[in-house]
C-alpha atoms as a PDB file:
ATOM      1  CA  MET A   1       3.879  33.655  -4.378  1.00  0.00           C
ATOM      2  CA  ASN A   2       3.778  32.681  -8.065  1.00  0.00           C
ATOM      3  CA  PHE A   3       7.571  32.313  -8.000  1.00  0.00           C
ATOM      4  CA  LEU A   4       7.361  29.862  -5.081  1.00  0.00           C
ATOM      5  CA  GLN A   5       4.617  27.946  -6.862  1.00  0.00           C
ATOM      6  CA  GLN A   6       6.785  27.696  -9.955  1.00  0.00           C
ATOM      7  CA  ILE A   7       9.698  26.386  -7.904  1.00  0.00           C
ATOM      8  CA  PHE A   8       7.445  23.823  -6.217  1.00  0.00           C
ATOM      9  CA  ASN A   9       6.013  22.680  -9.549  1.00  0.00           C
ATOM     10  CA  TRP A  10       9.503  22.371 -11.038  1.00  0.00           C
ATOM     11  CA  LEU A  11      10.724  20.272  -8.079  1.00  0.00           C
ATOM     12  CA  SER A  12       7.608  18.116  -8.243  1.00  0.00           C
ATOM     13  CA  ASN A  13       7.977  17.534 -11.966  1.00  0.00           C
ATOM     14  CA  GLN A  14      11.703  16.827 -11.854  1.00  0.00           C
ATOM     15  CA  LEU A  15      11.995  14.872  -8.588  1.00  0.00           C
ATOM     16  CA  LEU A  16       8.695  13.021  -8.367  1.00  0.00           C
ATOM     17  CA  LYS A  17       7.315  12.856 -11.903  1.00  0.00           C
ATOM     18  CA  MET A  18      10.872  12.688 -13.306  1.00  0.00           C
ATOM     19  CA  ASP A  19      10.252  14.655 -16.481  1.00  0.00           C
ATOM     20  CA  TRP A  20      13.992  14.482 -17.156  1.00  0.00           C
ATOM     21  CA  LEU A  21      13.796  10.693 -17.269  1.00  0.00           C
ATOM     22  CA  TYR A  22      10.760  10.854 -19.569  1.00  0.00           C
ATOM     23  CA  ASP A  23      12.784  12.920 -22.072  1.00  0.00           C
ATOM     24  CA  ILE A  24      15.803  10.596 -21.864  1.00  0.00           C
ATOM     25  CA  ILE A  25      13.696   7.489 -22.516  1.00  0.00           C
ATOM     26  CA  LYS A  26      11.940   9.294 -25.376  1.00  0.00           C
ATOM     27  CA  LEU A  27      15.324   9.904 -27.015  1.00  0.00           C
ATOM     28  CA  LEU A  28      16.285   6.278 -26.394  1.00  0.00           C
ATOM     29  CA  VAL A  29      13.110   4.967 -28.010  1.00  0.00           C
ATOM     30  CA  GLU A  30      13.252   7.294 -31.015  1.00  0.00           C
ATOM     31  CA  LYS A  31      16.988   7.553 -31.692  1.00  0.00           C
ATOM     32  CA  VAL A  32      18.347   4.197 -30.528  1.00  0.00           C
ATOM     33  CA  PHE A  33      15.372   1.874 -31.079  1.00  0.00           C
ATOM     34  CA  GLY A  34      14.123   3.818 -34.099  1.00  0.00           C
ATOM     35  CA  LEU A  35      10.504   3.743 -32.915  1.00  0.00           C
ATOM     36  CA  SER A  36       8.110   6.620 -33.329  1.00  0.00           C
ATOM     37  CA  MET A  37       6.312   7.784 -30.186  1.00  0.00           C
ATOM     38  CA  LYS A  38       3.219   8.193 -32.373  1.00  0.00           C
ATOM     39  CA  THR A  39       2.927   4.419 -32.814  1.00  0.00           C
ATOM     40  CA  LYS A  40       1.509   1.958 -30.302  1.00  0.00           C
ATOM     41  CA  ILE A  41       4.769   0.004 -30.174  1.00  0.00           C
ATOM     42  CA  GLY A  42       6.789   3.178 -29.565  1.00  0.00           C
ATOM     43  CA  GLU A  43       4.426   4.428 -26.857  1.00  0.00           C
ATOM     44  CA  SER A  44       4.272   1.004 -25.178  1.00  0.00           C
ATOM     45  CA  THR A  45       8.056   0.674 -25.187  1.00  0.00           C
ATOM     46  CA  HIS A  46       8.440   4.136 -23.707  1.00  0.00           C
ATOM     47  CA  PHE A  47       5.736   3.485 -21.092  1.00  0.00           C
ATOM     48  CA  PHE A  48       7.350   0.206 -19.999  1.00  0.00           C
ATOM     49  CA  ILE A  49      10.939   1.478 -19.760  1.00  0.00           C
ATOM     50  CA  TYR A  50      10.070   4.869 -18.253  1.00  0.00           C
ATOM     51  CA  ASP A  51       7.642   3.572 -15.618  1.00  0.00           C
ATOM     52  CA  THR A  52       9.884   0.658 -14.650  1.00  0.00           C
ATOM     53  CA  ILE A  53      12.977   2.814 -14.094  1.00  0.00           C
ATOM     54  CA  LYS A  54      10.949   5.548 -12.401  1.00  0.00           C
ATOM     55  CA  ILE A  55       9.323   3.149  -9.937  1.00  0.00           C
ATOM     56  CA  PHE A  56      12.608   1.421  -9.065  1.00  0.00           C
ATOM     57  CA  ILE A  57      14.382   4.750  -8.475  1.00  0.00           C
ATOM     58  CA  LEU A  58      11.578   6.118  -6.314  1.00  0.00           C
ATOM     59  CA  LEU A  59      11.157   2.823  -4.515  1.00  0.00           C
ATOM     60  CA  SER A  60      14.848   2.491  -3.659  1.00  0.00           C
ATOM     61  CA  VAL A  61      15.165   6.052  -2.362  1.00  0.00           C
ATOM     62  CA  LEU A  62      11.896   6.035  -0.440  1.00  0.00           C
ATOM     63  CA  ILE A  63      12.335   2.586   1.117  1.00  0.00           C
ATOM     64  CA  PHE A  64      15.812   3.562   2.295  1.00  0.00           C
ATOM     65  CA  MET A  65      14.486   6.734   3.941  1.00  0.00           C
ATOM     66  CA  ILE A  66      11.473   5.017   5.473  1.00  0.00           C
ATOM     67  CA  SER A  67      13.480   2.018   6.670  1.00  0.00           C
ATOM     68  CA  TYR A  68      15.865   4.374   8.436  1.00  0.00           C
ATOM     69  CA  ILE A  69      12.882   5.850  10.282  1.00  0.00           C
ATOM     70  CA  GLN A  70      11.427   2.385  10.793  1.00  0.00           C
ATOM     71  CA  SER A  71      14.633   1.242  12.512  1.00  0.00           C
ATOM     72  CA  TYR A  72      13.459   3.260  15.506  1.00  0.00           C
ATOM     73  CA  PHE A  73      10.177   1.325  15.577  1.00  0.00           C
ATOM     74  CA  PRO A  74      10.877  -2.439  15.536  1.00  0.00           C
ATOM     75  CA  PRO A  75       7.950  -4.768  16.340  1.00  0.00           C
ATOM     76  CA  GLU A  76       8.905  -5.000  20.031  1.00  0.00           C
ATOM     77  CA  ARG A  77       8.988  -1.232  20.492  1.00  0.00           C
ATOM     78  CA  THR A  78       5.848  -0.768  18.411  1.00  0.00           C
ATOM     79  CA  ARG A  79       4.094  -3.336  20.554  1.00  0.00           C
ATOM     80  CA  LYS A  80       5.040  -1.476  23.725  1.00  0.00           C
ATOM     81  CA  ILE A  81       3.753   1.813  22.306  1.00  0.00           C
ATOM     82  CA  LEU A  82       0.457   0.263  21.252  1.00  0.00           C
ATOM     83  CA  SER A  83      -0.044  -1.482  24.592  1.00  0.00           C
ATOM     84  CA  ARG A  84      -0.316   1.885  26.352  1.00  0.00           C
ATOM     85  CA  VAL A  85      -3.342   3.089  24.412  1.00  0.00           C
ATOM     86  CA  LYS A  86      -6.800   1.530  24.143  1.00  0.00           C
ATOM     87  CA  GLY A  87     -10.098   2.302  22.438  1.00  0.00           C
ATOM     88  CA  ILE A  88     -10.355   4.420  19.328  1.00  0.00           C
ATOM     89  CA  LYS A  89      -7.086   6.176  20.226  1.00  0.00           C
ATOM     90  CA  GLY A  90      -5.397   2.786  20.146  1.00  0.00           C
ATOM     91  CA  ASN A  91      -6.964   2.010  16.755  1.00  0.00           C
ATOM     92  CA  LEU A  92      -5.765   5.354  15.408  1.00  0.00           C
ATOM     93  CA  LEU A  93      -2.256   4.787  16.767  1.00  0.00           C
ATOM     94  CA  GLY A  94      -2.214   1.259  15.322  1.00  0.00           C
ATOM     95  CA  ALA A  95      -3.252   2.609  11.924  1.00  0.00           C
ATOM     96  CA  LEU A  96      -0.644   5.391  12.044  1.00  0.00           C
ATOM     97  CA  LEU A  97       2.139   3.007  13.061  1.00  0.00           C
ATOM     98  CA  GLY A  98       1.098   0.798  10.165  1.00  0.00           C
ATOM     99  CA  THR A  99       2.004   3.665   7.841  1.00  0.00           C
ATOM    100  CA  ILE A 100       5.692   3.514   8.826  1.00  0.00           C
ATOM    101  CA  THR A 101       5.984  -0.224   8.194  1.00  0.00           C
ATOM    102  CA  PRO A 102       6.328  -0.858   4.434  1.00  0.00           C
ATOM    103  CA  PHE A 103       4.998  -4.422   4.470  1.00  0.00           C
ATOM    104  CA  CYS A 104       2.833  -6.189   1.928  1.00  0.00           C
ATOM    105  CA  SER A 105      -0.312  -7.865   3.228  1.00  0.00           C
ATOM    106  CA  CYS A 106       1.412 -11.244   3.667  1.00  0.00           C
ATOM    107  CA  SER A 107       4.423  -9.756   5.464  1.00  0.00           C
ATOM    108  CA  SER A 108       2.076  -8.019   7.904  1.00  0.00           C
ATOM    109  CA  ILE A 109       0.622 -11.314   9.166  1.00  0.00           C
ATOM    110  CA  PRO A 110       3.660 -12.329  11.304  1.00  0.00           C
ATOM    111  CA  ILE A 111       3.647  -8.851  12.904  1.00  0.00           C
ATOM    112  CA  PHE A 112      -0.083  -9.262  13.523  1.00  0.00           C
ATOM    113  CA  ILE A 113       0.601 -12.599  15.245  1.00  0.00           C
ATOM    114  CA  GLY A 114       3.268 -10.991  17.420  1.00  0.00           C
ATOM    115  CA  PHE A 115       0.991  -8.131  18.465  1.00  0.00           C
ATOM    116  CA  THR A 116      -1.954 -10.444  19.152  1.00  0.00           C
ATOM    117  CA  SER A 117       0.121 -12.917  21.157  1.00  0.00           C
ATOM    118  CA  ALA A 118       1.478 -10.006  23.194  1.00  0.00           C
ATOM    119  CA  GLY A 119      -2.043  -9.256  24.412  1.00  0.00           C
ATOM    120  CA  LEU A 120      -2.716  -6.068  22.443  1.00  0.00           C
ATOM    121  CA  PRO A 121      -6.412  -5.260  21.916  1.00  0.00           C
ATOM    122  CA  LEU A 122      -7.697  -7.109  18.877  1.00  0.00           C
ATOM    123  CA  GLY A 123      -9.098  -3.941  17.301  1.00  0.00           C
ATOM    124  CA  VAL A 124      -5.701  -2.234  17.491  1.00  0.00           C
ATOM    125  CA  THR A 125      -3.934  -5.159  15.816  1.00  0.00           C
ATOM    126  CA  PHE A 126      -6.508  -5.242  13.014  1.00  0.00           C
ATOM    127  CA  SER A 127      -6.165  -1.495  12.460  1.00  0.00           C
ATOM    128  CA  PHE A 128      -2.440  -2.120  12.041  1.00  0.00           C
ATOM    129  CA  LEU A 129      -3.086  -5.111   9.761  1.00  0.00           C
ATOM    130  CA  ILE A 130      -5.291  -3.025   7.450  1.00  0.00           C
ATOM    131  CA  SER A 131      -3.132   0.098   7.267  1.00  0.00           C
ATOM    132  CA  SER A 132       0.303  -1.545   7.034  1.00  0.00           C
ATOM    133  CA  PRO A 133      -0.002  -2.836   3.437  1.00  0.00           C
ATOM    134  CA  LEU A 134      -2.473  -0.135   2.436  1.00  0.00           C
ATOM    135  CA  VAL A 135      -0.815   3.146   3.419  1.00  0.00           C
ATOM    136  CA  ASP A 136       2.771   4.221   3.982  1.00  0.00           C
ATOM    137  CA  LEU A 137       4.963   7.192   3.178  1.00  0.00           C
ATOM    138  CA  ALA A 138       6.429   5.491   0.120  1.00  0.00           C
ATOM    139  CA  SER A 139       2.988   4.814  -1.340  1.00  0.00           C
ATOM    140  CA  PHE A 140       1.969   8.413  -0.668  1.00  0.00           C
ATOM    141  CA  LEU A 141       4.980   9.828  -2.486  1.00  0.00           C
ATOM    142  CA  LEU A 142       4.584   7.399  -5.376  1.00  0.00           C
ATOM    143  CA  LEU A 143       0.900   8.284  -5.683  1.00  0.00           C
ATOM    144  CA  LEU A 144       1.937  11.917  -5.559  1.00  0.00           C
ATOM    145  CA  SER A 145       4.295  11.417  -8.488  1.00  0.00           C
ATOM    146  CA  PHE A 146       1.577   9.696 -10.566  1.00  0.00           C
ATOM    147  CA  PHE A 147      -1.657  11.471  -9.642  1.00  0.00           C
ATOM    148  CA  GLY A 148      -0.870  14.672  -7.733  1.00  0.00           C
ATOM    149  CA  TRP A 149      -1.515  15.981  -4.228  1.00  0.00           C
ATOM    150  CA  GLU A 150      -5.286  15.715  -4.112  1.00  0.00           C
ATOM    151  CA  ILE A 151      -5.605  12.036  -4.980  1.00  0.00           C
ATOM    152  CA  ALA A 152      -2.502  10.976  -3.006  1.00  0.00           C
ATOM    153  CA  THR A 153      -3.713  12.752   0.136  1.00  0.00           C
ATOM    154  CA  ALA A 154      -7.251  11.445  -0.276  1.00  0.00           C
ATOM    155  CA  TYR A 155      -5.965   7.874  -0.656  1.00  0.00           C
ATOM    156  CA  VAL A 156      -3.967   8.109   2.580  1.00  0.00           C
ATOM    157  CA  ILE A 157      -6.876   9.638   4.503  1.00  0.00           C
ATOM    158  CA  VAL A 158      -9.471   7.074   3.403  1.00  0.00           C
ATOM    159  CA  GLY A 159      -6.973   4.279   4.015  1.00  0.00           C
ATOM    160  CA  LEU A 160      -6.458   5.415   7.601  1.00  0.00           C
ATOM    161  CA  VAL A 161     -10.207   5.916   8.112  1.00  0.00           C
ATOM    162  CA  LEU A 162     -10.854   2.381   6.862  1.00  0.00           C
ATOM    163  CA  ALA A 163      -8.171   0.977   9.185  1.00  0.00           C
ATOM    164  CA  VAL A 164      -9.520   2.819  12.242  1.00  0.00           C
ATOM    165  CA  PHE A 165     -13.150   2.048  11.378  1.00  0.00           C
ATOM    166  CA  GLY A 166     -12.458  -1.645  10.738  1.00  0.00           C
ATOM    167  CA  GLY A 167     -10.416  -2.053  13.908  1.00  0.00           C
ATOM    168  CA  THR A 168     -13.043  -0.254  15.999  1.00  0.00           C
ATOM    169  CA  ILE A 169     -15.868  -2.518  14.773  1.00  0.00           C
ATOM    170  CA  ILE A 170     -13.839  -5.649  15.463  1.00  0.00           C
ATOM    171  CA  ASP A 171     -12.974  -4.320  18.923  1.00  0.00           C
ATOM    172  CA  LYS A 172     -16.650  -3.624  19.729  1.00  0.00           C
ATOM    173  CA  LEU A 173     -17.711  -7.112  18.613  1.00  0.00           C
ATOM    174  CA  LYS A 174     -15.415  -8.753  21.217  1.00  0.00           C
ATOM    175  CA  LEU A 175     -14.056 -11.455  18.933  1.00  0.00           C
ATOM    176  CA  GLU A 176     -10.995 -12.503  20.926  1.00  0.00           C
ATOM    177  CA  LYS A 177     -12.319 -16.068  21.275  1.00  0.00           C
ATOM    178  CA  TYR A 178     -11.955 -16.494  17.520  1.00  0.00           C
ATOM    179  CA  ILE A 179      -8.152 -16.248  17.629  1.00  0.00           C
ATOM    180  CA  GLU A 180      -6.470 -19.619  17.117  1.00  0.00           C
ATOM    181  CA  GLY A 181      -5.264 -21.152  20.370  1.00  0.00           C
ATOM    182  CA  TYR A 182      -1.604 -21.490  19.386  1.00  0.00           C
ATOM    183  CA  VAL A 183      -1.368 -17.706  18.943  1.00  0.00           C
ATOM    184  CA  LEU A 184      -2.538 -17.156  22.500  1.00  0.00           C
ATOM    185  CA  ASP A 185      -0.114 -19.809  23.736  1.00  0.00           C
ATOM    186  CA  ILE A 186       2.760 -17.725  22.375  1.00  0.00           C
ATOM    187  CA  ARG A 187       1.804 -15.009  24.864  1.00  0.00           C
ATOM    188  CA  ASP A 188       3.127 -16.979  27.835  1.00  0.00           C
ATOM    189  CA  VAL A 189       6.501 -17.469  26.134  1.00  0.00           C
ATOM    190  CA  GLU A 190       6.740 -13.780  25.227  1.00  0.00           C
ATOM    191  CA  LEU A 191       5.863 -12.693  28.745  1.00  0.00           C
ATOM    192  CA  ALA A 192       8.486 -15.026  30.185  1.00  0.00           C
ATOM    193  CA  LYS A 193      11.135 -13.558  27.901  1.00  0.00           C
ATOM    194  CA  GLU A 194      10.081 -10.050  28.838  1.00  0.00           C
ATOM    195  CA  ASN A 195      10.278 -10.769  32.558  1.00  0.00           C
ATOM    196  CA  ASN A 196      13.813 -12.096  32.109  1.00  0.00           C
ATOM    197  CA  ASN A 197      14.923  -8.935  30.350  1.00  0.00           C
ATOM    198  CA  ASP A 198      16.804  -6.753  32.818  1.00  0.00           C
ATOM    199  CA  ASN A 199      16.894  -3.664  30.643  1.00  0.00           C
ATOM    200  CA  GLU A 200      13.965  -3.171  28.288  1.00  0.00           C
ATOM    201  CA  ASN A 201      15.544  -0.040  26.839  1.00  0.00           C
ATOM    202  CA  ASP A 202      18.270  -2.173  25.256  1.00  0.00           C
ATOM    203  CA  ILE A 203      15.842  -4.219  23.161  1.00  0.00           C
ATOM    204  CA  PHE A 204      16.718  -2.541  19.917  1.00  0.00           C
ATOM    205  CA  VAL A 205      19.628  -0.100  19.920  1.00  0.00           C
ATOM    206  CA  LEU A 206      21.439   0.658  16.680  1.00  0.00           C
ATOM    207  CA  ASN A 207      24.091   3.198  15.862  1.00  0.00           C
ATOM    208  CA  ARG A 208      23.988   5.346  12.733  1.00  0.00           C
ATOM    209  CA  LYS A 209      26.085   2.969  10.623  1.00  0.00           C
ATOM    210  CA  GLU A 210      23.923  -0.004  11.607  1.00  0.00           C
ATOM    211  CA  ARG A 211      20.754   1.909  10.729  1.00  0.00           C
ATOM    212  CA  ILE A 212      22.185   2.753   7.281  1.00  0.00           C
ATOM    213  CA  ASN A 213      23.145  -0.891   6.710  1.00  0.00           C
ATOM    214  CA  TYR A 214      19.696  -1.961   7.893  1.00  0.00           C
ATOM    215  CA  SER A 215      18.073   0.485   5.464  1.00  0.00           C
ATOM    216  CA  LYS A 216      20.221  -0.746   2.561  1.00  0.00           C
ATOM    217  CA  GLN A 217      19.282  -4.333   3.358  1.00  0.00           C
ATOM    218  CA  GLN A 218      15.601  -3.412   3.482  1.00  0.00           C
ATOM    219  CA  VAL A 219      15.882  -1.895   0.011  1.00  0.00           C
ATOM    220  CA  LYS A 220      17.480  -5.092  -1.303  1.00  0.00           C
ATOM    221  CA  ASP A 221      14.941  -7.349   0.412  1.00  0.00           C
ATOM    222  CA  ILE A 222      11.899  -5.395  -0.728  1.00  0.00           C
ATOM    223  CA  ILE A 223      13.181  -5.026  -4.304  1.00  0.00           C
ATOM    224  CA  LYS A 224      13.713  -8.803  -4.417  1.00  0.00           C
ATOM    225  CA  LYS A 225      10.114  -9.339  -3.294  1.00  0.00           C
ATOM    226  CA  VAL A 226       8.396  -6.852  -5.579  1.00  0.00           C
ATOM    227  CA  TRP A 227      10.483  -6.566  -8.766  1.00  0.00           C
ATOM    228  CA  LEU A 228       8.499  -9.225 -10.630  1.00  0.00           C
ATOM    229  CA  TYR A 229       5.150  -7.683  -9.638  1.00  0.00           C
ATOM    230  CA  ILE A 230       6.371  -4.273 -10.759  1.00  0.00           C
ATOM    231  CA  LEU A 231       7.348  -5.616 -14.170  1.00  0.00           C
ATOM    232  CA  ILE A 232       4.022  -7.430 -14.499  1.00  0.00           C
ATOM    233  CA  GLY A 233       2.152  -4.321 -13.366  1.00  0.00           C
ATOM    234  CA  VAL A 234       4.011  -2.063 -15.795  1.00  0.00           C
ATOM    235  CA  GLY A 235       3.443  -4.579 -18.580  1.00  0.00           C
ATOM    236  CA  ILE A 236      -0.300  -4.671 -17.911  1.00  0.00           C
ATOM    237  CA  GLY A 237      -0.295  -0.882 -17.659  1.00  0.00           C
ATOM    238  CA  ALA A 238       1.411  -0.559 -21.054  1.00  0.00           C
ATOM    239  CA  LEU A 239      -1.117  -2.979 -22.537  1.00  0.00           C
ATOM    240  CA  ILE A 240      -4.089  -1.058 -21.142  1.00  0.00           C
ATOM    241  CA  HIS A 241      -2.574   2.309 -22.027  1.00  0.00           C
ATOM    242  CA  ASN A 242      -1.861   1.635 -25.677  1.00  0.00           C
ATOM    243  CA  TRP A 243      -3.521  -1.536 -26.936  1.00  0.00           C
ATOM    244  CA  ILE A 244      -6.938  -1.915 -25.304  1.00  0.00           C
ATOM    245  CA  PRO A 245      -9.475   0.505 -26.823  1.00  0.00           C
ATOM    246  CA  THR A 246     -10.994   3.059 -24.498  1.00  0.00           C
ATOM    247  CA  ASP A 247     -14.505   1.904 -25.410  1.00  0.00           C
ATOM    248  CA  ILE A 248     -13.832  -1.584 -24.042  1.00  0.00           C
ATOM    249  CA  ILE A 249     -12.406  -0.200 -20.804  1.00  0.00           C
ATOM    250  CA  ASN A 250     -15.370   2.128 -20.369  1.00  0.00           C
ATOM    251  CA  ASN A 251     -17.890  -0.638 -21.010  1.00  0.00           C
ATOM    252  CA  ILE A 252     -16.334  -2.826 -18.316  1.00  0.00           C
ATOM    253  CA  ILE A 253     -15.249  -0.411 -15.586  1.00  0.00           C
ATOM    254  CA  GLY A 254     -15.990   3.007 -17.041  1.00  0.00           C
ATOM    255  CA  LYS A 255     -17.807   5.808 -15.267  1.00  0.00           C
ATOM    256  CA  ASN A 256     -21.089   4.919 -16.932  1.00  0.00           C
ATOM    257  CA  ASN A 257     -21.101   1.364 -15.584  1.00  0.00           C
ATOM    258  CA  PRO A 258     -22.818   1.367 -12.155  1.00  0.00           C
ATOM    259  CA  PHE A 259     -21.103  -1.926 -11.309  1.00  0.00           C
ATOM    260  CA  SER A 260     -17.574  -0.723 -12.095  1.00  0.00           C
ATOM    261  CA  VAL A 261     -16.540  -0.506  -8.434  1.00  0.00           C
ATOM    262  CA  LEU A 262     -17.870  -3.986  -7.670  1.00  0.00           C
ATOM    263  CA  ILE A 263     -16.057  -5.410 -10.692  1.00  0.00           C
ATOM    264  CA  ALA A 264     -12.811  -3.713  -9.603  1.00  0.00           C
ATOM    265  CA  ALA A 265     -13.146  -5.220  -6.106  1.00  0.00           C
ATOM    266  CA  ILE A 266     -13.861  -8.715  -7.443  1.00  0.00           C
ATOM    267  CA  VAL A 267     -10.921  -8.580  -9.862  1.00  0.00           C
ATOM    268  CA  ALA A 268      -8.534  -7.147  -7.248  1.00  0.00           C
ATOM    269  CA  ILE A 269      -8.972  -9.567  -4.349  1.00  0.00           C
ATOM    270  CA  PRO A 270      -7.526 -12.728  -6.008  1.00  0.00           C
ATOM    271  CA  MET A 271      -4.436 -10.788  -7.093  1.00  0.00           C
ATOM    272  CA  TYR A 272      -1.246 -10.582  -5.038  1.00  0.00           C
ATOM    273  CA  ALA A 273       0.856  -7.445  -5.235  1.00  0.00           C
ATOM    274  CA  ASP A 274       1.613  -4.357  -3.228  1.00  0.00           C
ATOM    275  CA  ILE A 275       0.881  -0.788  -4.196  1.00  0.00           C
ATOM    276  CA  PHE A 276       4.085  -0.550  -6.246  1.00  0.00           C
ATOM    277  CA  GLY A 277       2.805  -3.210  -8.631  1.00  0.00           C
ATOM    278  CA  THR A 278      -0.678  -1.713  -8.907  1.00  0.00           C
ATOM    279  CA  LEU A 279       0.399   1.866  -9.632  1.00  0.00           C
ATOM    280  CA  PRO A 280       1.251   1.365 -13.335  1.00  0.00           C
ATOM    281  CA  ILE A 281      -2.120  -0.336 -13.877  1.00  0.00           C
ATOM    282  CA  ALA A 282      -3.880   2.444 -11.982  1.00  0.00           C
ATOM    283  CA  GLU A 283      -2.069   5.080 -14.046  1.00  0.00           C
ATOM    284  CA  ALA A 284      -3.118   3.429 -17.305  1.00  0.00           C
ATOM    285  CA  LEU A 285      -6.741   3.124 -16.153  1.00  0.00           C
ATOM    286  CA  PHE A 286      -6.719   6.759 -15.038  1.00  0.00           C
ATOM    287  CA  ASN A 287      -5.461   7.871 -18.447  1.00  0.00           C
ATOM    288  CA  LYS A 288      -8.263   5.859 -20.055  1.00  0.00           C
ATOM    289  CA  GLY A 289     -10.826   7.856 -18.090  1.00  0.00           C
ATOM    290  CA  VAL A 290     -11.765   5.239 -15.491  1.00  0.00           C
ATOM    291  CA  GLY A 291     -13.309   6.764 -12.349  1.00  0.00           C
ATOM    292  CA  ILE A 292     -10.904   7.529  -9.516  1.00  0.00           C
ATOM    293  CA  GLY A 293     -13.126   5.636  -7.070  1.00  0.00           C
ATOM    294  CA  THR A 294     -12.954   2.501  -9.221  1.00  0.00           C
ATOM    295  CA  ILE A 295      -9.177   2.814  -9.388  1.00  0.00           C
ATOM    296  CA  LEU A 296      -8.830   3.283  -5.608  1.00  0.00           C
ATOM    297  CA  THR A 297     -11.072   0.267  -4.986  1.00  0.00           C
ATOM    298  CA  PHE A 298      -8.851  -1.830  -7.239  1.00  0.00           C
ATOM    299  CA  MET A 299      -5.663  -0.655  -5.509  1.00  0.00           C
ATOM    300  CA  MET A 300      -7.063  -1.162  -2.014  1.00  0.00           C
ATOM    301  CA  GLY A 301      -8.466  -4.573  -2.883  1.00  0.00           C
ATOM    302  CA  VAL A 302      -5.131  -5.813  -4.213  1.00  0.00           C
ATOM    303  CA  THR A 303      -3.084  -4.462  -1.305  1.00  0.00           C
ATOM    304  CA  ALA A 304      -5.379  -5.136   1.671  1.00  0.00           C
ATOM    305  CA  LEU A 305      -7.244  -8.299   0.642  1.00  0.00           C
ATOM    306  CA  SER A 306      -4.958 -10.365  -1.547  1.00  0.00           C
ATOM    307  CA  LEU A 307      -5.882 -14.057  -1.644  1.00  0.00           C
ATOM    308  CA  PRO A 308      -2.502 -15.247  -0.236  1.00  0.00           C
ATOM    309  CA  SER A 309      -2.844 -12.939   2.775  1.00  0.00           C
ATOM    310  CA  ILE A 310      -6.384 -14.190   3.434  1.00  0.00           C
ATOM    311  CA  ILE A 311      -5.114 -17.773   3.317  1.00  0.00           C
ATOM    312  CA  LEU A 312      -2.341 -16.916   5.784  1.00  0.00           C
ATOM    313  CA  LEU A 313      -4.750 -15.091   8.066  1.00  0.00           C
ATOM    314  CA  SER A 314      -7.057 -18.114   8.057  1.00  0.00           C
ATOM    315  CA  LYS A 315      -4.301 -20.000   9.897  1.00  0.00           C
ATOM    316  CA  VAL A 316      -4.291 -17.341  12.615  1.00  0.00           C
ATOM    317  CA  VAL A 317      -7.975 -16.574  13.163  1.00  0.00           C
ATOM    318  CA  LYS A 318     -11.078 -18.746  13.048  1.00  0.00           C
ATOM    319  CA  LYS A 319     -13.560 -18.708  10.201  1.00  0.00           C
ATOM    320  CA  LYS A 320     -16.081 -16.291  11.747  1.00  0.00           C
ATOM    321  CA  LEU A 321     -13.486 -13.616  12.484  1.00  0.00           C
ATOM    322  CA  LEU A 322     -11.931 -14.042   9.027  1.00  0.00           C
ATOM    323  CA  ILE A 323     -15.324 -13.578   7.339  1.00  0.00           C
ATOM    324  CA  ILE A 324     -16.058 -10.492   9.453  1.00  0.00           C
ATOM    325  CA  PHE A 325     -12.659  -8.971   8.643  1.00  0.00           C
ATOM    326  CA  VAL A 326     -12.944  -9.595   4.894  1.00  0.00           C
ATOM    327  CA  SER A 327     -16.546  -8.320   4.885  1.00  0.00           C
ATOM    328  CA  ILE A 328     -15.694  -5.097   6.728  1.00  0.00           C
ATOM    329  CA  VAL A 329     -12.712  -4.282   4.505  1.00  0.00           C
ATOM    330  CA  SER A 330     -14.543  -5.265   1.300  1.00  0.00           C
ATOM    331  CA  MET A 331     -17.573  -3.148   2.130  1.00  0.00           C
ATOM    332  CA  GLY A 332     -15.288  -0.304   3.170  1.00  0.00           C
ATOM    333  CA  ILE A 333     -13.335  -0.169  -0.085  1.00  0.00           C
ATOM    334  CA  ILE A 334     -16.517  -0.524  -2.171  1.00  0.00           C
ATOM    335  CA  ILE A 335     -18.198   2.355  -0.313  1.00  0.00           C
ATOM    336  CA  ILE A 336     -15.028   4.434  -0.696  1.00  0.00           C
ATOM    337  CA  GLY A 337     -15.019   3.673  -4.411  1.00  0.00           C
ATOM    338  CA  TYR A 338     -18.594   4.802  -4.974  1.00  0.00           C
ATOM    339  CA  LEU A 339     -18.113   7.945  -2.867  1.00  0.00           C
ATOM    340  CA  PHE A 340     -15.010   8.935  -4.813  1.00  0.00           C
ATOM    341  CA  ASN A 341     -16.738   8.327  -8.127  1.00  0.00           C
ATOM    342  CA  ALA A 342     -19.678  10.456  -6.977  1.00  0.00           C
ATOM    343  CA  PHE A 343     -17.444  13.345  -5.930  1.00  0.00           C
ATOM    344  CA  SER A 344     -14.646  12.888  -8.470  1.00  0.00           C
ATOM    345  CA  TYR A 345     -15.052  16.468  -9.667  1.00  0.00           C
ATOM    346  CA  ILE A 346     -13.255  17.552  -6.478  1.00  0.00           C
ATOM    347  CA  PHE A 347     -10.067  15.750  -7.494  1.00  0.00           C
ATOM    348  CA  ILE A 348     -10.022  16.092 -11.269  1.00  0.00           C
END
């Protein structure tokens, strides 16, 4: 049993944490750049180069794998699957299907419009809208490489619970009348197209080569969208990790500050990034001793409630529904943050 555990730990360290890359970059910093790892400049340089390369490698591999799986679940097919299930089962299925669609919050809005215009229950579409940017296999594996099994698994579980809970509340409130009229008008066009389709099974059929090409293109497209946010995130992470004193961090969002979770939520919402850009910041905060609940609140706030996505959503739903959605998700991530801080001893 110990032998198997050792093998697992070795694979985890080499494949996910990339200890081999850490050692290579250390040699690069010390031997080529002539910087000592004991200095702030040396540590910051190592942090920036190592985390950047690590994230891009993991991101490319994981997005390719997930996109290959996703090629079996295009929006049209996903819509048909969701239309068969209602109630809390539908919310759960919507949340789970959101996990196989690696979209940022803004990219999820067009899919949300398509699902809503197709007549899917509003609660199901909102469960999808919450979980899609918040939780996916790539984010789980990246979290695993940074924080370990316990925190990665907990993040996925609470993300799905929030998506199901939020969608269920919206479904119970019967808020369909607060969808903008033009979205509902699309439904008639979609239904007409569907009725003219002789063979629904031919909607999205790809062979193996086409799926590989699709996956490669997804990697390119997503890298183009997120590379700048990753660099910014890693840069901020390096700054927090090596240049900002721990005392300052603790005074603002440390474990002893009862408002740390609220501050993290307020800071996170105006930002626009996906989980790949927030991970380096989260890692730096974690190393500074910030509570895991505060960190999760920050990550969830950035990914699920970015200001650009709220602006886009405001063009799709009316003000009352938008306020209810933002309130439910905000309260959810704040409650999650405080609960995780209270029971952090389980994970650390």
